[in-house]
Amino acid sequence: MIVVTGATGNVGRPLTRALVEAGQEVTTVSRHAAAAANGVRHVVADLAEPAGLGPVLAGAEALFVLLSGDLHAAGATPAGIIDEAAARGVRRIVLLSSQGVATRPFGPTRVALRAVEDTLRESGPEWSVLRPGGFASNALWWAGSVRARRAVAAPYGDVGVPLVDPADIAEVAAACLLDDRHAGSVYELTGPQVITPREQAEAIGAALGSPVRFDDLTRDEARAAMARSMPAELADDTLDILGSPSPAELRVSPDVQRVLGRAPRGFADWAARNVDAFR
């Protein structure tokens, strides 16, 4: 049995599908009740209280760990999830970390993630670490304004990074959960090319068949909007990358190709598959 945390999100949903299609027994975990796919057991649990995960992890062969924003807050103990899984005899753990652990190791949220990675390496089970860059699905922040006004507002409109499709992250995670050849690996996951926010708006417009206007935001305006849905420190870390990506953050990684045997999906592909969110 494989346990998937963050099961209702942009990575957890396609990961669950991939595992079910591979014939695996899957238990999904989220903080709130959610509909489960056929043959999938869903459990409501709070990852902020790792001891409460014991019954969920009993009998599990593998675990996918996705840490939500509140688990980066002061006083949170996300490494306890790893400890609880190891104590319950889970044999393989795949952690969704962040590219920033390597490219910006001294940011507060990156320090916390590095600590979780270190706990995982020392925990005993086989492990793999996935370090994605920016997610293509972050464009869903714009869905409401695109539907209402055919407009996107964002900072740093002409500064891009190679956004990764969450479906690619999910497929790599599935490979790591199912194949012991990936044990001990750290994979950096990006898309196939650098794309700016202005170009993302154009791609969404192309998928819709209707132009989407781009409006520039200041950093302060963007931070205020982001801080409503994530810790302020995480918003600052994200804006630092979006505004001034390092050479390492601009690099297109070969790891999706290496694991999946195909090139990563581009943003236009993501926009076409998710166009209904913007209609």
C-alpha atoms as a PDB file:
ATOM      1  CA  MET A   1       0.000   0.000   0.000  1.00  0.00           C
ATOM      2  CA  ILE A   2       1.224   3.512  -0.856  1.00  0.00           C
ATOM      3  CA  VAL A   3       0.208   6.587   1.160  1.00  0.00           C
ATOM      4  CA  VAL A   4      -0.043   9.906  -0.688  1.00  0.00           C
ATOM      5  CA  THR A   5      -0.182  13.139   1.320  1.00  0.00           C
ATOM      6  CA  GLY A   6      -1.356  16.369  -0.273  1.00  0.00           C
ATOM      7  CA  ALA A   7      -3.686  14.160  -2.257  1.00  0.00           C
ATOM      8  CA  THR A   8      -6.147  16.869  -3.311  1.00  0.00           C
ATOM      9  CA  GLY A   9      -3.512  19.132  -4.886  1.00  0.00           C
ATOM     10  CA  ASN A  10      -2.024  19.621  -8.327  1.00  0.00           C
ATOM     11  CA  VAL A  11       0.611  16.930  -7.752  1.00  0.00           C
ATOM     12  CA  GLY A  12      -1.322  14.577  -5.485  1.00  0.00           C
ATOM     13  CA  ARG A  13      -4.254  14.050  -7.840  1.00  0.00           C
ATOM     14  CA  PRO A  14      -2.254  12.942 -10.908  1.00  0.00           C
ATOM     15  CA  LEU A  15       0.109  10.953  -8.687  1.00  0.00           C
ATOM     16  CA  THR A  16      -2.821   9.022  -7.234  1.00  0.00           C
ATOM     17  CA  ARG A  17      -4.129   8.310 -10.732  1.00  0.00           C
ATOM     18  CA  ALA A  18      -0.725   7.088 -11.899  1.00  0.00           C
ATOM     19  CA  LEU A  19      -0.372   4.722  -8.941  1.00  0.00           C
ATOM     20  CA  VAL A  20      -3.891   3.328  -9.363  1.00  0.00           C
ATOM     21  CA  GLU A  21      -3.246   2.786 -13.070  1.00  0.00           C
ATOM     22  CA  ALA A  22      -0.088   0.907 -12.083  1.00  0.00           C
ATOM     23  CA  GLY A  23      -2.240  -1.480 -10.032  1.00  0.00           C
ATOM     24  CA  GLN A  24      -1.245  -0.135  -6.603  1.00  0.00           C
ATOM     25  CA  GLU A  25      -3.378   0.020  -3.467  1.00  0.00           C
ATOM     26  CA  VAL A  26      -3.438   3.700  -2.487  1.00  0.00           C
ATOM     27  CA  THR A  27      -4.446   5.624   0.629  1.00  0.00           C
ATOM     28  CA  THR A  28      -4.761   9.374   0.156  1.00  0.00           C
ATOM     29  CA  VAL A  29      -4.437  11.892   2.987  1.00  0.00           C
ATOM     30  CA  SER A  30      -5.598  15.491   3.240  1.00  0.00           C
ATOM     31  CA  ARG A  31      -6.673  17.881   5.981  1.00  0.00           C
ATOM     32  CA  HIS A  32     -10.245  18.029   4.732  1.00  0.00           C
ATOM     33  CA  ALA A  33     -12.728  15.467   3.485  1.00  0.00           C
ATOM     34  CA  ALA A  34     -12.525  14.834  -0.249  1.00  0.00           C
ATOM     35  CA  ALA A  35     -14.034  12.490  -2.782  1.00  0.00           C
ATOM     36  CA  ALA A  36     -11.816   9.492  -3.469  1.00  0.00           C
ATOM     37  CA  ALA A  37     -11.295   7.755  -6.789  1.00  0.00           C
ATOM     38  CA  ASN A  38     -12.637   4.252  -7.191  1.00  0.00           C
ATOM     39  CA  GLY A  39     -10.572   1.802  -5.205  1.00  0.00           C
ATOM     40  CA  VAL A  40      -8.763   4.529  -3.250  1.00  0.00           C
ATOM     41  CA  ARG A  41      -9.110   4.929   0.520  1.00  0.00           C
ATOM     42  CA  HIS A  42      -9.183   8.552   1.666  1.00  0.00           C
ATOM     43  CA  VAL A  43      -8.264   9.582   5.220  1.00  0.00           C
ATOM     44  CA  VAL A  44      -8.568  13.004   6.849  1.00  0.00           C
ATOM     45  CA  ALA A  45      -5.471  13.743   8.931  1.00  0.00           C
ATOM     46  CA  ASP A  46      -3.441  16.769  10.023  1.00  0.00           C
ATOM     47  CA  LEU A  47       0.217  16.511   9.025  1.00  0.00           C
ATOM     48  CA  ALA A  48       1.001  19.080  11.711  1.00  0.00           C
ATOM     49  CA  GLU A  49       0.377  16.259  14.216  1.00  0.00           C
ATOM     50  CA  PRO A  50       2.582  13.424  12.925  1.00  0.00           C
ATOM     51  CA  ALA A  51       1.704  11.038  15.754  1.00  0.00           C
ATOM     52  CA  GLY A  52      -1.864  10.996  14.463  1.00  0.00           C
ATOM     53  CA  LEU A  53      -0.644   9.489  11.184  1.00  0.00           C
ATOM     54  CA  GLY A  54       0.196   6.158  12.827  1.00  0.00           C
ATOM     55  CA  PRO A  55      -3.025   4.367  11.851  1.00  0.00           C
ATOM     56  CA  VAL A  56      -2.740   5.716   8.301  1.00  0.00           C
ATOM     57  CA  LEU A  57       0.828   4.461   7.891  1.00  0.00           C
ATOM     58  CA  ALA A  58       0.255   1.031   9.421  1.00  0.00           C
ATOM     59  CA  GLY A  59       1.004  -1.530   6.744  1.00  0.00           C
ATOM     60  CA  ALA A  60       2.219   1.044   4.210  1.00  0.00           C
ATOM     61  CA  GLU A  61       5.039   0.079   1.877  1.00  0.00           C
ATOM     62  CA  ALA A  62       5.779   3.599   0.625  1.00  0.00           C
ATOM     63  CA  LEU A  63       4.928   7.222   1.405  1.00  0.00           C
ATOM     64  CA  PHE A  64       4.829  10.411  -0.656  1.00  0.00           C
ATOM     65  CA  VAL A  65       5.374  13.502   1.498  1.00  0.00           C
ATOM     66  CA  LEU A  66       4.131  16.909   0.334  1.00  0.00           C
ATOM     67  CA  LEU A  67       4.418  19.688   2.898  1.00  0.00           C
ATOM     68  CA  SER A  68       1.758  22.404   2.679  1.00  0.00           C
ATOM     69  CA  GLY A  69       2.516  26.031   3.438  1.00  0.00           C
ATOM     70  CA  ASP A  70       1.449  25.893   7.088  1.00  0.00           C
ATOM     71  CA  LEU A  71       4.069  23.213   7.740  1.00  0.00           C
ATOM     72  CA  HIS A  72       6.726  25.837   7.014  1.00  0.00           C
ATOM     73  CA  ALA A  73       5.406  28.101   9.767  1.00  0.00           C
ATOM     74  CA  ALA A  74       7.269  28.737  13.016  1.00  0.00           C
ATOM     75  CA  GLY A  75       6.899  25.863  15.465  1.00  0.00           C
ATOM     76  CA  ALA A  76       5.914  23.271  12.851  1.00  0.00           C
ATOM     77  CA  THR A  77       7.717  19.914  12.962  1.00  0.00           C
ATOM     78  CA  PRO A  78       7.434  18.406   9.474  1.00  0.00           C
ATOM     79  CA  ALA A  79      10.409  16.115  10.072  1.00  0.00           C
ATOM     80  CA  GLY A  80       8.164  14.275  12.533  1.00  0.00           C
ATOM     81  CA  ILE A  81       6.254  12.848   9.566  1.00  0.00           C
ATOM     82  CA  ILE A  82       9.444  11.126   8.409  1.00  0.00           C
ATOM     83  CA  ASP A  83      10.168   9.840  11.900  1.00  0.00           C
ATOM     84  CA  GLU A  84       6.638   8.459  12.275  1.00  0.00           C
ATOM     85  CA  ALA A  85       6.831   6.694   8.903  1.00  0.00           C
ATOM     86  CA  ALA A  86      10.173   5.118   9.752  1.00  0.00           C
ATOM     87  CA  ALA A  87       8.846   3.966  13.120  1.00  0.00           C
ATOM     88  CA  ARG A  88       5.861   2.337  11.374  1.00  0.00           C
ATOM     89  CA  GLY A  89       8.094   0.344   9.049  1.00  0.00           C
ATOM     90  CA  VAL A  90       7.488   2.270   5.816  1.00  0.00           C
ATOM     91  CA  ARG A  91      10.148   1.008   3.404  1.00  0.00           C
ATOM     92  CA  ARG A  92      10.356   3.856   0.891  1.00  0.00           C
ATOM     93  CA  ILE A  93       9.713   7.600   1.195  1.00  0.00           C
ATOM     94  CA  VAL A  94       9.604  10.192  -1.583  1.00  0.00           C
ATOM     95  CA  LEU A  95       9.787  13.834  -0.453  1.00  0.00           C
ATOM     96  CA  LEU A  96       8.611  16.778  -2.528  1.00  0.00           C
ATOM     97  CA  SER A  97      11.167  19.431  -1.622  1.00  0.00           C
ATOM     98  CA  SER A  98      12.182  22.563  -3.554  1.00  0.00           C
ATOM     99  CA  GLN A  99      14.846  23.642  -6.003  1.00  0.00           C
ATOM    100  CA  GLY A 100      15.536  26.509  -3.632  1.00  0.00           C
ATOM    101  CA  VAL A 101      17.137  24.132  -1.114  1.00  0.00           C
ATOM    102  CA  ALA A 102      20.133  24.089  -3.454  1.00  0.00           C
ATOM    103  CA  THR A 103      19.859  27.489  -5.153  1.00  0.00           C
ATOM    104  CA  ARG A 104      18.884  29.610  -2.107  1.00  0.00           C
ATOM    105  CA  PRO A 105      19.916  27.512   0.875  1.00  0.00           C
ATOM    106  CA  PHE A 106      19.729  30.302   3.465  1.00  0.00           C
ATOM    107  CA  GLY A 107      16.125  31.386   2.952  1.00  0.00           C
ATOM    108  CA  PRO A 108      14.070  30.511   6.054  1.00  0.00           C
ATOM    109  CA  THR A 109      11.755  28.098   4.278  1.00  0.00           C
ATOM    110  CA  ARG A 110      14.707  26.496   2.466  1.00  0.00           C
ATOM    111  CA  VAL A 111      16.536  25.928   5.748  1.00  0.00           C
ATOM    112  CA  ALA A 112      13.432  24.144   7.062  1.00  0.00           C
ATOM    113  CA  LEU A 113      13.161  21.958   3.959  1.00  0.00           C
ATOM    114  CA  ARG A 114      16.858  21.099   4.118  1.00  0.00           C
ATOM    115  CA  ALA A 115      16.292  19.887   7.681  1.00  0.00           C
ATOM    116  CA  VAL A 116      13.484  17.614   6.475  1.00  0.00           C
ATOM    117  CA  GLU A 117      15.720  16.283   3.687  1.00  0.00           C
ATOM    118  CA  ASP A 118      18.482  15.580   6.231  1.00  0.00           C
ATOM    119  CA  THR A 119      16.027  13.766   8.490  1.00  0.00           C
ATOM    120  CA  LEU A 120      14.910  11.665   5.540  1.00  0.00           C
ATOM    121  CA  ARG A 121      18.447  10.656   4.590  1.00  0.00           C
ATOM    122  CA  GLU A 122      19.141   9.501   8.134  1.00  0.00           C
ATOM    123  CA  SER A 123      15.759   7.860   8.787  1.00  0.00           C
ATOM    124  CA  GLY A 124      16.444   4.328   7.525  1.00  0.00           C
ATOM    125  CA  PRO A 125      13.918   3.778   4.692  1.00  0.00           C
ATOM    126  CA  GLU A 126      14.914   4.093   1.043  1.00  0.00           C
ATOM    127  CA  TRP A 127      14.423   7.680  -0.055  1.00  0.00           C
ATOM    128  CA  SER A 128      14.191   9.961  -3.059  1.00  0.00           C
ATOM    129  CA  VAL A 129      14.011  13.766  -3.043  1.00  0.00           C
ATOM    130  CA  LEU A 130      12.278  15.804  -5.750  1.00  0.00           C
ATOM    131  CA  ARG A 131      13.266  19.463  -6.085  1.00  0.00           C
ATOM    132  CA  PRO A 132      10.949  21.220  -8.551  1.00  0.00           C
ATOM    133  CA  GLY A 133      11.320  24.817  -9.599  1.00  0.00           C
ATOM    134  CA  GLY A 134       8.281  27.012 -10.190  1.00  0.00           C
ATOM    135  CA  PHE A 135       5.006  25.223 -10.933  1.00  0.00           C
ATOM    136  CA  ALA A 136       3.055  25.869 -14.128  1.00  0.00           C
ATOM    137  CA  SER A 137      -0.092  25.508 -12.018  1.00  0.00           C
ATOM    138  CA  ASN A 138       0.760  28.701 -10.114  1.00  0.00           C
ATOM    139  CA  ALA A 139      -0.944  30.365 -13.093  1.00  0.00           C
ATOM    140  CA  LEU A 140      -4.239  29.225 -11.551  1.00  0.00           C
ATOM    141  CA  TRP A 141      -3.853  32.244  -9.243  1.00  0.00           C
ATOM    142  CA  TRP A 142      -4.957  34.227 -12.297  1.00  0.00           C
ATOM    143  CA  ALA A 143      -8.012  32.139 -13.138  1.00  0.00           C
ATOM    144  CA  GLY A 144     -10.520  34.530 -11.581  1.00  0.00           C
ATOM    145  CA  SER A 145      -9.177  37.637 -13.312  1.00  0.00           C
ATOM    146  CA  VAL A 146      -8.915  35.824 -16.639  1.00  0.00           C
ATOM    147  CA  ARG A 147     -12.529  34.660 -16.377  1.00  0.00           C
ATOM    148  CA  ALA A 148     -13.769  38.092 -15.302  1.00  0.00           C
ATOM    149  CA  ARG A 149     -11.613  40.488 -17.328  1.00  0.00           C
ATOM    150  CA  ARG A 150      -9.379  38.435 -19.641  1.00  0.00           C
ATOM    151  CA  ALA A 151      -6.451  39.895 -17.695  1.00  0.00           C
ATOM    152  CA  VAL A 152      -3.434  38.669 -15.738  1.00  0.00           C
ATOM    153  CA  ALA A 153      -1.652  40.783 -13.102  1.00  0.00           C
ATOM    154  CA  ALA A 154       1.805  39.788 -11.884  1.00  0.00           C
ATOM    155  CA  PRO A 155       5.182  41.246 -10.991  1.00  0.00           C
ATOM    156  CA  TYR A 156       8.329  40.911 -13.094  1.00  0.00           C
ATOM    157  CA  GLY A 157       6.418  40.398 -16.329  1.00  0.00           C
ATOM    158  CA  ASP A 158       9.483  39.894 -18.497  1.00  0.00           C
ATOM    159  CA  VAL A 159      11.555  37.749 -16.132  1.00  0.00           C
ATOM    160  CA  GLY A 160      11.100  34.025 -16.661  1.00  0.00           C
ATOM    161  CA  VAL A 161      12.024  30.626 -15.226  1.00  0.00           C
ATOM    162  CA  PRO A 162      11.534  27.090 -16.652  1.00  0.00           C
ATOM    163  CA  LEU A 163       8.185  26.246 -15.023  1.00  0.00           C
ATOM    164  CA  VAL A 164       7.485  22.557 -14.440  1.00  0.00           C
ATOM    165  CA  ASP A 165       4.142  20.870 -15.110  1.00  0.00           C
ATOM    166  CA  PRO A 166       2.789  19.245 -11.899  1.00  0.00           C
ATOM    167  CA  ALA A 167       1.821  16.214 -13.990  1.00  0.00           C
ATOM    168  CA  ASP A 168       5.523  15.677 -14.707  1.00  0.00           C
ATOM    169  CA  ILE A 169       6.312  15.943 -10.997  1.00  0.00           C
ATOM    170  CA  ALA A 170       3.622  13.342 -10.324  1.00  0.00           C
ATOM    171  CA  GLU A 171       4.985  10.927 -12.924  1.00  0.00           C
ATOM    172  CA  VAL A 172       8.507  11.244 -11.543  1.00  0.00           C
ATOM    173  CA  ALA A 173       7.163  10.704  -8.017  1.00  0.00           C
ATOM    174  CA  ALA A 174       5.321   7.579  -9.160  1.00  0.00           C
ATOM    175  CA  ALA A 175       8.508   6.221 -10.728  1.00  0.00           C
ATOM    176  CA  CYS A 176      10.415   6.828  -7.491  1.00  0.00           C
ATOM    177  CA  LEU A 177       7.712   5.179  -5.373  1.00  0.00           C
ATOM    178  CA  LEU A 178       7.545   2.105  -7.592  1.00  0.00           C
ATOM    179  CA  ASP A 179      11.143   1.506  -8.695  1.00  0.00           C
ATOM    180  CA  ASP A 180      14.042   0.997  -6.300  1.00  0.00           C
ATOM    181  CA  ARG A 181      16.500   2.152  -8.964  1.00  0.00           C
ATOM    182  CA  HIS A 182      15.683   5.705  -7.867  1.00  0.00           C
ATOM    183  CA  ALA A 183      16.604   5.119  -4.218  1.00  0.00           C
ATOM    184  CA  GLY A 184      19.074   7.711  -2.941  1.00  0.00           C
ATOM    185  CA  SER A 185      18.404  10.092  -5.848  1.00  0.00           C
ATOM    186  CA  VAL A 186      17.826  13.834  -5.787  1.00  0.00           C
ATOM    187  CA  TYR A 187      16.028  15.051  -8.908  1.00  0.00           C
ATOM    188  CA  GLU A 188      15.719  18.686  -9.933  1.00  0.00           C
ATOM    189  CA  LEU A 189      12.532  19.105 -11.972  1.00  0.00           C
ATOM    190  CA  THR A 190      11.930  21.913 -14.471  1.00  0.00           C
ATOM    191  CA  GLY A 191      10.047  22.538 -17.671  1.00  0.00           C
ATOM    192  CA  PRO A 192      11.657  22.525 -21.123  1.00  0.00           C
ATOM    193  CA  GLN A 193      12.246  26.269 -21.482  1.00  0.00           C
ATOM    194  CA  VAL A 194      12.225  29.593 -19.652  1.00  0.00           C
ATOM    195  CA  ILE A 195       8.844  31.348 -19.870  1.00  0.00           C
ATOM    196  CA  THR A 196       7.912  34.793 -18.529  1.00  0.00           C
ATOM    197  CA  PRO A 197       4.603  35.790 -16.925  1.00  0.00           C
ATOM    198  CA  ARG A 198       3.757  37.856 -19.998  1.00  0.00           C
ATOM    199  CA  GLU A 199       4.353  34.794 -22.193  1.00  0.00           C
ATOM    200  CA  GLN A 200       2.227  32.682 -19.871  1.00  0.00           C
ATOM    201  CA  ALA A 201      -0.652  35.129 -20.335  1.00  0.00           C
ATOM    202  CA  GLU A 202      -0.215  34.818 -24.100  1.00  0.00           C
ATOM    203  CA  ALA A 203      -0.277  31.010 -23.855  1.00  0.00           C
ATOM    204  CA  ILE A 204      -3.464  31.070 -21.777  1.00  0.00           C
ATOM    205  CA  GLY A 205      -5.010  33.402 -24.340  1.00  0.00           C
ATOM    206  CA  ALA A 206      -4.008  31.048 -27.151  1.00  0.00           C
ATOM    207  CA  ALA A 207      -5.621  28.120 -25.316  1.00  0.00           C
ATOM    208  CA  LEU A 208      -8.801  30.160 -24.856  1.00  0.00           C
ATOM    209  CA  GLY A 209      -8.796  31.533 -28.374  1.00  0.00           C
ATOM    210  CA  SER A 210      -9.133  35.010 -26.854  1.00  0.00           C
ATOM    211  CA  PRO A 211      -6.345  37.513 -25.985  1.00  0.00           C
ATOM    212  CA  VAL A 212      -5.396  37.900 -22.318  1.00  0.00           C
ATOM    213  CA  ARG A 213      -4.035  41.279 -21.221  1.00  0.00           C
ATOM    214  CA  PHE A 214      -0.981  41.460 -18.957  1.00  0.00           C
ATOM    215  CA  ASP A 215      -0.875  44.062 -16.136  1.00  0.00           C
ATOM    216  CA  ASP A 216       2.284  44.672 -14.116  1.00  0.00           C
ATOM    217  CA  LEU A 217       2.164  44.511 -10.317  1.00  0.00           C
ATOM    218  CA  THR A 218       4.723  45.985  -7.966  1.00  0.00           C
ATOM    219  CA  ARG A 219       6.513  43.605  -5.619  1.00  0.00           C
ATOM    220  CA  ASP A 220       4.590  45.005  -2.640  1.00  0.00           C
ATOM    221  CA  GLU A 221       1.253  44.466  -4.390  1.00  0.00           C
ATOM    222  CA  ALA A 222       2.207  40.890  -5.285  1.00  0.00           C
ATOM    223  CA  ARG A 223       3.472  40.147  -1.780  1.00  0.00           C
ATOM    224  CA  ALA A 224       0.244  41.368  -0.185  1.00  0.00           C
ATOM    225  CA  ALA A 225      -1.802  39.101  -2.459  1.00  0.00           C
ATOM    226  CA  MET A 226       0.445  36.067  -1.937  1.00  0.00           C
ATOM    227  CA  ALA A 227       0.600  36.503   1.840  1.00  0.00           C
ATOM    228  CA  ARG A 228      -3.138  35.845   2.014  1.00  0.00           C
ATOM    229  CA  SER A 229      -2.552  32.212   1.052  1.00  0.00           C
ATOM    230  CA  MET A 230       0.993  31.426   2.257  1.00  0.00           C
ATOM    231  CA  PRO A 231       3.417  32.458   5.024  1.00  0.00           C
ATOM    232  CA  ALA A 232       4.917  35.891   4.351  1.00  0.00           C
ATOM    233  CA  GLU A 233       8.455  34.457   4.420  1.00  0.00           C
ATOM    234  CA  LEU A 234       7.534  31.960   1.699  1.00  0.00           C
ATOM    235  CA  ALA A 235       6.022  34.778  -0.363  1.00  0.00           C
ATOM    236  CA  ASP A 236       9.265  36.753  -0.024  1.00  0.00           C
ATOM    237  CA  ASP A 237      11.379  33.734  -0.998  1.00  0.00           C
ATOM    238  CA  THR A 238       9.204  33.145  -4.053  1.00  0.00           C
ATOM    239  CA  LEU A 239       9.336  36.791  -5.154  1.00  0.00           C
ATOM    240  CA  ASP A 240      13.118  36.842  -4.770  1.00  0.00           C
ATOM    241  CA  ILE A 241      13.357  33.995  -7.272  1.00  0.00           C
ATOM    242  CA  LEU A 242      10.753  35.423  -9.661  1.00  0.00           C
ATOM    243  CA  GLY A 243      12.414  38.822  -9.690  1.00  0.00           C
ATOM    244  CA  SER A 244      16.026  37.778  -9.962  1.00  0.00           C
ATOM    245  CA  PRO A 245      16.516  34.102 -10.820  1.00  0.00           C
ATOM    246  CA  SER A 246      20.050  32.813 -10.514  1.00  0.00           C
ATOM    247  CA  PRO A 247      21.811  30.972 -13.352  1.00  0.00           C
ATOM    248  CA  ALA A 248      20.967  27.710 -11.547  1.00  0.00           C
ATOM    249  CA  GLU A 249      17.278  28.672 -11.454  1.00  0.00           C
ATOM    250  CA  LEU A 250      17.320  29.445 -15.175  1.00  0.00           C
ATOM    251  CA  ARG A 251      18.865  26.095 -16.048  1.00  0.00           C
ATOM    252  CA  VAL A 252      16.685  23.500 -17.763  1.00  0.00           C
ATOM    253  CA  SER A 253      17.269  20.275 -15.866  1.00  0.00           C
ATOM    254  CA  PRO A 254      17.613  16.935 -17.689  1.00  0.00           C
ATOM    255  CA  ASP A 255      16.056  14.984 -14.810  1.00  0.00           C
ATOM    256  CA  VAL A 256      12.471  14.668 -16.114  1.00  0.00           C
ATOM    257  CA  GLN A 257      13.891  13.239 -19.343  1.00  0.00           C
ATOM    258  CA  ARG A 258      16.250  11.006 -17.360  1.00  0.00           C
ATOM    259  CA  VAL A 259      13.477   9.476 -15.246  1.00  0.00           C
ATOM    260  CA  LEU A 260      10.585   9.380 -17.722  1.00  0.00           C
ATOM    261  CA  GLY A 261      12.425   8.887 -20.989  1.00  0.00           C
ATOM    262  CA  ARG A 262      10.719  11.903 -22.579  1.00  0.00           C
ATOM    263  CA  ALA A 263      11.051  15.665 -22.569  1.00  0.00           C
ATOM    264  CA  PRO A 264       9.136  17.642 -19.935  1.00  0.00           C
ATOM    265  CA  ARG A 265       5.825  19.203 -20.942  1.00  0.00           C
ATOM    266  CA  GLY A 266       5.809  22.908 -21.783  1.00  0.00           C
ATOM    267  CA  PHE A 267       3.560  25.604 -20.331  1.00  0.00           C
ATOM    268  CA  ALA A 268       1.393  25.766 -23.451  1.00  0.00           C
ATOM    269  CA  ASP A 269       0.584  22.076 -22.994  1.00  0.00           C
ATOM    270  CA  TRP A 270      -0.368  22.699 -19.361  1.00  0.00           C
ATOM    271  CA  ALA A 271      -2.552  25.676 -20.359  1.00  0.00           C
ATOM    272  CA  ALA A 272      -4.363  23.658 -23.041  1.00  0.00           C
ATOM    273  CA  ARG A 273      -5.136  20.824 -20.600  1.00  0.00           C
ATOM    274  CA  ASN A 274      -6.352  23.219 -17.908  1.00  0.00           C
ATOM    275  CA  VAL A 275      -8.106  25.793 -20.076  1.00  0.00           C
ATOM    276  CA  ASP A 276     -11.513  25.160 -18.473  1.00  0.00           C
ATOM    277  CA  ALA A 277     -10.250  26.816 -15.283  1.00  0.00           C
ATOM    278  CA  PHE A 278      -9.902  30.081 -17.217  1.00  0.00           C
ATOM    279  CA  ARG A 279     -13.182  30.037 -19.191  1.00  0.00           C
END
